[in-house]
Amino acid sequence: MPLREILIYPDPLLREQCAQVTDFGKDLATLINDMSLTMYASSGIGLAASQIGILQRVIVVDVSEDQAQRLALVNPEIIAQEGAVSSEEGCLSIPEFRDTIKRSEKILVKAQDPNGKYLEFEADEILAICIQHEIDHLNGVLFVDHLSRLKREFFARWLKKQGLIPSK
């Protein structure tokens, strides 16, 4: 069972911009630990703080098979990107819905670690896709926002069928 409740679309907090983190103390460490446990318990590979109702620029990702390579990024940003790759994505905040999204194939990320130390690294493949997905969350963007107009219409019909939004 997840430690924290994951917000489900169309919760309005999922559309909010997250604030920069300036305090790297115990509360941040607790948040990152809670996010990690929630992500693992939900069988996810990434989670943004906004998905649990905390509007701070914090993400956790772990794309390893054995869940042993968690990466906690504070105030992350993509400072360079190249190439394009399409892959099927899903989201813990939109359970059961998946679709193909085009993302940058390779990214250069600048962030801070949980202690406030700055780091910069390259990511590619599934790690790059996951980081882009989670940074989108910090900006109030969901993966379905990257869908074509036709696929967004399909998504709206799917939401109605699931009872997540009322029929007109």
Protein backbone atom coordinates (compact mmCIF):
# COMPACT_ATOMS: atom_id res chain seq x y z
CA MET A 1 0.00 0.00 0.00
CA PRO A 2 1.36 3.45 -0.91
CA LEU A 3 2.58 5.54 2.00
CA ARG A 4 1.03 8.70 0.55
CA GLU A 5 -2.14 9.00 -1.51
CA ILE A 6 -1.48 9.59 -5.21
CA LEU A 7 -3.73 12.25 -6.72
CA ILE A 8 -5.86 11.00 -9.60
CA TYR A 9 -6.73 13.03 -12.69
CA PRO A 10 -8.60 15.41 -12.92
CA ASP A 11 -7.45 16.62 -9.47
CA PRO A 12 -6.66 20.35 -9.99
CA LEU A 13 -3.38 20.14 -8.02
CA LEU A 14 -1.94 18.10 -10.90
CA ARG A 15 -2.13 21.26 -13.04
CA GLU A 16 -0.24 23.49 -10.60
CA GLN A 17 3.32 24.76 -11.03
CA CYS A 18 5.64 23.60 -8.27
CA ALA A 19 7.85 25.94 -6.26
CA GLN A 20 11.63 25.77 -6.03
CA VAL A 21 12.96 23.98 -2.96
CA THR A 22 15.12 26.17 -0.73
CA ASP A 23 15.13 24.17 2.52
CA PHE A 24 17.23 20.99 2.36
CA GLY A 25 16.47 19.78 5.87
CA LYS A 26 14.70 16.91 7.55
CA ASP A 27 11.29 17.66 5.97
CA LEU A 28 12.76 17.24 2.49
CA ALA A 29 14.43 13.95 3.46
CA THR A 30 11.10 12.70 4.84
CA LEU A 31 9.28 13.78 1.66
CA ILE A 32 11.79 11.97 -0.57
CA ASN A 33 11.57 8.82 1.55
CA ASP A 34 7.75 8.90 1.49
CA MET A 35 7.73 9.50 -2.27
CA SER A 36 10.10 6.59 -2.85
CA LEU A 37 8.06 4.18 -0.74
CA THR A 38 4.86 5.35 -2.47
CA MET A 39 6.40 4.93 -5.93
CA TYR A 40 7.66 1.41 -5.17
CA ALA A 41 4.39 0.34 -3.52
CA SER A 42 2.52 1.55 -6.61
CA SER A 43 4.85 -0.28 -9.03
CA GLY A 44 5.90 3.03 -10.57
CA ILE A 45 9.22 4.09 -12.02
CA GLY A 46 8.82 7.78 -11.21
CA LEU A 47 6.86 10.12 -8.98
CA ALA A 48 6.69 13.90 -8.69
CA ALA A 49 5.88 15.62 -5.39
CA SER A 50 2.85 17.26 -7.01
CA GLN A 51 1.34 13.80 -7.53
CA ILE A 52 1.00 13.48 -3.76
CA GLY A 53 -0.22 17.06 -3.32
CA ILE A 54 3.13 18.64 -2.40
CA LEU A 55 3.83 21.55 -4.74
CA GLN A 56 7.62 21.46 -4.54
CA ARG A 57 10.10 20.70 -7.33
CA VAL A 58 11.08 17.19 -6.23
CA ILE A 59 11.02 13.95 -8.22
CA VAL A 60 12.11 10.39 -7.59
CA VAL A 61 12.83 7.89 -10.35
CA ASP A 62 14.05 4.31 -10.46
CA VAL A 63 14.01 2.49 -13.78
CA SER A 64 16.09 -0.46 -12.55
CA GLU A 65 14.66 -3.98 -12.55
CA ASP A 66 15.54 -4.55 -8.89
CA GLN A 67 14.42 -1.13 -7.56
CA ALA A 68 17.93 -0.46 -6.29
CA GLN A 69 18.88 2.67 -8.23
CA ARG A 70 16.58 5.38 -6.93
CA LEU A 71 17.45 8.86 -8.05
CA ALA A 72 16.05 11.79 -6.03
CA LEU A 73 16.25 15.11 -7.89
CA VAL A 74 15.47 18.48 -6.36
CA ASN A 75 14.79 21.51 -8.57
CA PRO A 76 15.53 19.48 -11.73
CA GLU A 77 15.67 21.08 -15.15
CA ILE A 78 16.56 19.91 -18.62
CA ILE A 79 19.31 22.14 -19.98
CA ALA A 80 19.88 20.37 -23.30
CA GLN A 81 18.11 17.73 -25.33
CA GLU A 82 18.59 15.92 -28.61
CA GLY A 83 16.91 13.39 -30.82
CA ALA A 84 13.40 12.05 -30.57
CA VAL A 85 11.99 8.72 -29.49
CA SER A 86 8.44 7.42 -29.18
CA SER A 87 7.47 5.13 -26.36
CA GLU A 88 4.38 3.99 -24.55
CA GLU A 89 3.79 5.90 -21.33
CA GLY A 90 1.45 5.59 -18.42
CA CYS A 91 1.03 7.58 -15.23
CA LEU A 92 0.24 6.73 -11.64
CA SER A 93 -2.17 9.71 -11.64
CA ILE A 94 -4.04 8.34 -14.67
CA PRO A 95 -4.22 4.64 -13.86
CA GLU A 96 -5.03 2.18 -16.62
CA PHE A 97 -4.47 4.63 -19.50
CA ARG A 98 -1.40 4.35 -21.71
CA ASP A 99 -0.44 5.84 -25.05
CA THR A 100 2.57 6.51 -27.22
CA ILE A 101 4.35 9.81 -26.60
CA LYS A 102 7.29 11.42 -28.39
CA ARG A 103 10.06 12.69 -26.11
CA SER A 104 13.69 13.75 -26.46
CA GLU A 105 15.96 10.74 -26.84
CA LYS A 106 18.82 12.16 -24.79
CA ILE A 107 18.79 14.93 -22.18
CA LEU A 108 21.24 16.86 -20.03
CA VAL A 109 19.83 17.37 -16.54
CA LYS A 110 20.82 19.91 -13.92
CA ALA A 111 19.45 19.40 -10.41
CA GLN A 112 20.31 19.32 -6.75
CA ASP A 113 20.61 16.22 -4.62
CA PRO A 114 18.68 15.91 -1.32
CA ASN A 115 21.52 17.73 0.48
CA GLY A 116 21.46 20.69 -1.92
CA LYS A 117 24.59 19.74 -3.85
CA TYR A 118 24.38 20.63 -7.54
CA LEU A 119 24.76 17.87 -10.09
CA GLU A 120 24.61 17.59 -13.85
CA PHE A 121 24.30 14.38 -15.86
CA GLU A 122 23.18 12.94 -19.18
CA ALA A 123 20.27 10.54 -19.42
CA ASP A 124 18.98 8.49 -22.32
CA GLU A 125 16.56 5.66 -23.02
CA ILE A 126 13.91 4.99 -20.37
CA LEU A 127 15.66 7.14 -17.76
CA ALA A 128 15.45 10.21 -20.03
CA ILE A 129 11.79 9.51 -20.79
CA CYS A 130 10.96 9.08 -17.10
CA ILE A 131 12.76 12.26 -16.04
CA GLN A 132 11.00 14.27 -18.76
CA HIS A 133 7.63 12.84 -17.66
CA GLU A 134 8.24 13.75 -14.01
CA ILE A 135 9.59 17.24 -14.74
CA ASP A 136 6.42 17.82 -16.79
CA HIS A 137 4.44 17.08 -13.61
CA LEU A 138 6.37 19.80 -11.77
CA ASN A 139 5.17 22.22 -14.46
CA GLY A 140 1.54 21.10 -14.31
CA VAL A 141 1.80 19.14 -17.56
CA LEU A 142 0.52 15.58 -17.95
CA PHE A 143 1.63 13.06 -20.53
CA VAL A 144 -1.81 13.21 -22.17
CA ASP A 145 -1.11 16.88 -23.01
CA HIS A 146 1.42 15.59 -25.55
CA LEU A 147 -1.24 13.60 -27.43
CA SER A 148 -2.62 14.66 -30.80
CA ARG A 149 -6.05 16.31 -30.88
CA LEU A 150 -7.66 13.06 -32.01
CA LYS A 151 -6.03 11.06 -29.22
CA ARG A 152 -7.02 13.72 -26.66
CA GLU A 153 -10.63 13.29 -27.82
CA PHE A 154 -10.27 9.54 -27.33
CA PHE A 155 -8.83 10.20 -23.86
CA ALA A 156 -11.84 12.43 -22.98
CA ARG A 157 -14.22 9.62 -24.01
CA TRP A 158 -12.16 7.15 -21.97
CA LEU A 159 -12.40 9.43 -18.90
CA LYS A 160 -16.19 9.60 -19.25
CA LYS A 161 -16.39 5.82 -19.59
CA GLN A 162 -14.29 5.45 -16.42
CA GLY A 163 -16.57 7.88 -14.60
CA LEU A 164 -13.68 10.26 -13.92
CA ILE A 165 -15.45 13.20 -15.54
CA PRO A 166 -19.20 13.65 -15.91
CA SER A 167 -20.91 13.18 -19.27
CA LYS A 168 -22.46 16.30 -20.79
